[in-house]
Protein backbone atom coordinates (compact mmCIF):
# COMPACT_ATOMS: atom_id res chain seq x y z
CA UNK A 1 -58.10 0.08 -17.06
CA UNK A 2 -56.40 -2.47 -14.02
CA UNK A 3 -54.08 -4.07 -17.11
CA UNK A 4 -53.34 -0.86 -18.41
CA UNK A 5 -52.04 0.13 -15.23
CA UNK A 6 -50.15 -2.92 -14.76
CA UNK A 7 -48.62 -2.33 -17.73
CA UNK A 8 -47.80 1.00 -17.35
CA UNK A 9 -45.93 0.05 -13.83
CA UNK A 10 -44.13 -3.14 -15.45
CA UNK A 11 -42.63 0.12 -18.28
CA UNK A 12 -41.72 1.82 -15.53
CA UNK A 13 -40.17 -1.30 -13.35
CA UNK A 14 -38.52 -1.76 -16.58
CA UNK A 15 -37.62 1.41 -17.29
CA UNK A 16 -35.77 1.17 -14.39
CA UNK A 17 -33.58 -1.51 -14.42
CA UNK A 18 -33.07 -0.31 -18.27
CA UNK A 19 -31.53 2.74 -16.79
CA UNK A 20 -29.30 1.06 -13.93
CA UNK A 21 -28.31 -1.72 -16.19
CA UNK A 22 -27.19 1.81 -18.48
CA UNK A 23 -25.67 3.93 -16.29
CA UNK A 24 -24.84 1.10 -13.82
CA UNK A 25 -21.98 -0.04 -15.60
CA UNK A 26 -20.27 3.47 -14.95
CA UNK A 27 -20.33 3.25 -11.54
CA UNK A 28 -18.74 -0.54 -11.77
CA UNK A 29 -16.06 0.58 -13.84
CA UNK A 30 -15.02 3.49 -10.96
CA UNK A 31 -14.81 1.24 -8.67
CA UNK A 32 -12.30 -1.75 -10.32
CA UNK A 33 -10.33 1.29 -11.32
CA UNK A 34 -9.74 2.60 -7.86
CA UNK A 35 -8.89 -1.10 -6.74
CA UNK A 36 -6.78 -2.18 -9.81
CA UNK A 37 -4.99 1.18 -8.83
CA UNK A 38 -5.10 0.61 -5.53
CA UNK A 39 -3.22 -3.21 -6.04
CA UNK A 40 -0.78 -1.76 -8.39
CA UNK A 41 0.78 1.11 -5.31
CA UNK A 42 0.53 -1.90 -2.67
CA UNK A 43 2.70 -3.79 -5.28
CA UNK A 44 5.04 -0.83 -5.10
CA UNK A 45 4.95 -0.51 -1.68
CA UNK A 46 5.83 -4.16 -0.81
CA UNK A 47 8.32 -4.17 -3.32
CA UNK A 48 10.26 -0.61 -1.76
CA UNK A 49 10.09 -1.97 1.44
CA UNK A 50 11.73 -5.17 0.51
CA UNK A 51 14.61 -3.63 -1.71
CA UNK A 52 17.91 -4.05 0.04
CA UNK A 53 18.79 -0.26 -0.21
CA UNK A 54 17.53 3.34 0.24
CA UNK A 55 17.75 6.25 -0.27
CA UNK A 56 18.04 9.14 2.44
CA UNK A 57 15.14 11.88 1.90
CA UNK A 58 18.08 14.79 2.79
CA UNK A 59 21.25 13.98 1.13
CA UNK A 60 20.01 11.48 -1.19
CA UNK A 61 22.57 8.57 -0.59
CA UNK A 62 22.56 5.22 -0.40
CA UNK A 63 21.11 3.45 2.85
CA UNK A 64 21.98 -0.73 2.75
CA UNK A 65 18.83 -1.77 4.79
CA UNK A 66 20.29 -5.26 4.49
CA UNK A 67 24.26 -6.06 6.62
CA UNK A 68 25.63 -6.15 9.87
CA UNK A 69 23.79 -4.28 12.19
CA UNK A 70 23.81 -4.13 15.94
CA UNK A 71 20.53 -4.72 18.28
CA UNK A 72 20.02 -1.63 20.86
CA UNK A 73 17.74 -3.56 23.20
CA UNK A 74 20.16 -7.15 23.22
CA UNK A 75 22.93 -5.52 21.64
CA UNK A 76 23.91 -8.53 19.60
CA UNK A 77 25.91 -7.69 16.94
CA UNK A 78 23.94 -10.15 13.62
CA UNK A 79 24.08 -9.64 9.88
CA UNK A 80 20.46 -9.83 8.11
CA UNK A 81 17.46 -7.04 7.99
CA UNK A 82 18.18 -3.61 9.81
CA UNK A 83 14.23 -3.34 11.09
CA UNK A 84 14.15 -6.66 13.19
CA UNK A 85 16.84 -8.39 15.37
CA UNK A 86 16.54 -12.06 14.56
CA UNK A 87 17.75 -13.01 18.11
CA UNK A 88 15.47 -10.24 20.46
CA UNK A 89 12.71 -10.08 17.49
CA UNK A 90 12.88 -6.36 18.55
CA UNK A 91 11.53 -4.16 15.68
CA UNK A 92 12.75 -0.75 14.73
CA UNK A 93 11.61 1.95 12.68
CA UNK A 94 13.98 3.32 11.09
CA UNK A 95 17.47 3.19 10.28
CA UNK A 96 20.51 6.33 10.26
CA UNK A 97 22.24 7.30 7.38
CA UNK A 98 25.59 6.51 7.20
CA UNK A 99 26.21 9.91 5.64
CA UNK A 100 25.03 12.34 7.27
CA UNK A 101 22.73 11.33 9.83
CA UNK A 102 19.34 11.54 9.54
CA UNK A 103 17.25 8.82 10.34
CA UNK A 104 15.58 7.40 7.36
CA UNK A 105 12.19 5.87 7.88
CA UNK A 106 11.28 2.50 7.27
CA UNK A 107 9.31 1.89 3.88
CA UNK A 108 6.03 0.18 4.74
CA UNK A 109 5.70 1.66 7.80
CA UNK A 110 5.78 5.85 6.88
CA UNK A 111 7.17 7.79 4.34
CA UNK A 112 10.51 7.52 2.99
């Protein structure tokens, strides 16, 4: 009788393992798919953040984010990125659109 109980317990244990193997891979594929999608989206966001131009959300004009800018903190005129002053390291969250004046938000910090 005891050996029959042991065999039954072993079969229950094996069936639980078989069920996990049969169904567990589905959760793994779903998690892997979400991880790949998140990675691709982060690469797209990174490419947008380092692009030389961006579009104004109001008038759809091209706004340059690299060029000659005046720092509002130290008042220096420098060439480079509009997001950080190379002299005083001040960071900026937006660039005004040259046509309509609407604030174009930094792509890696907010919606564009």
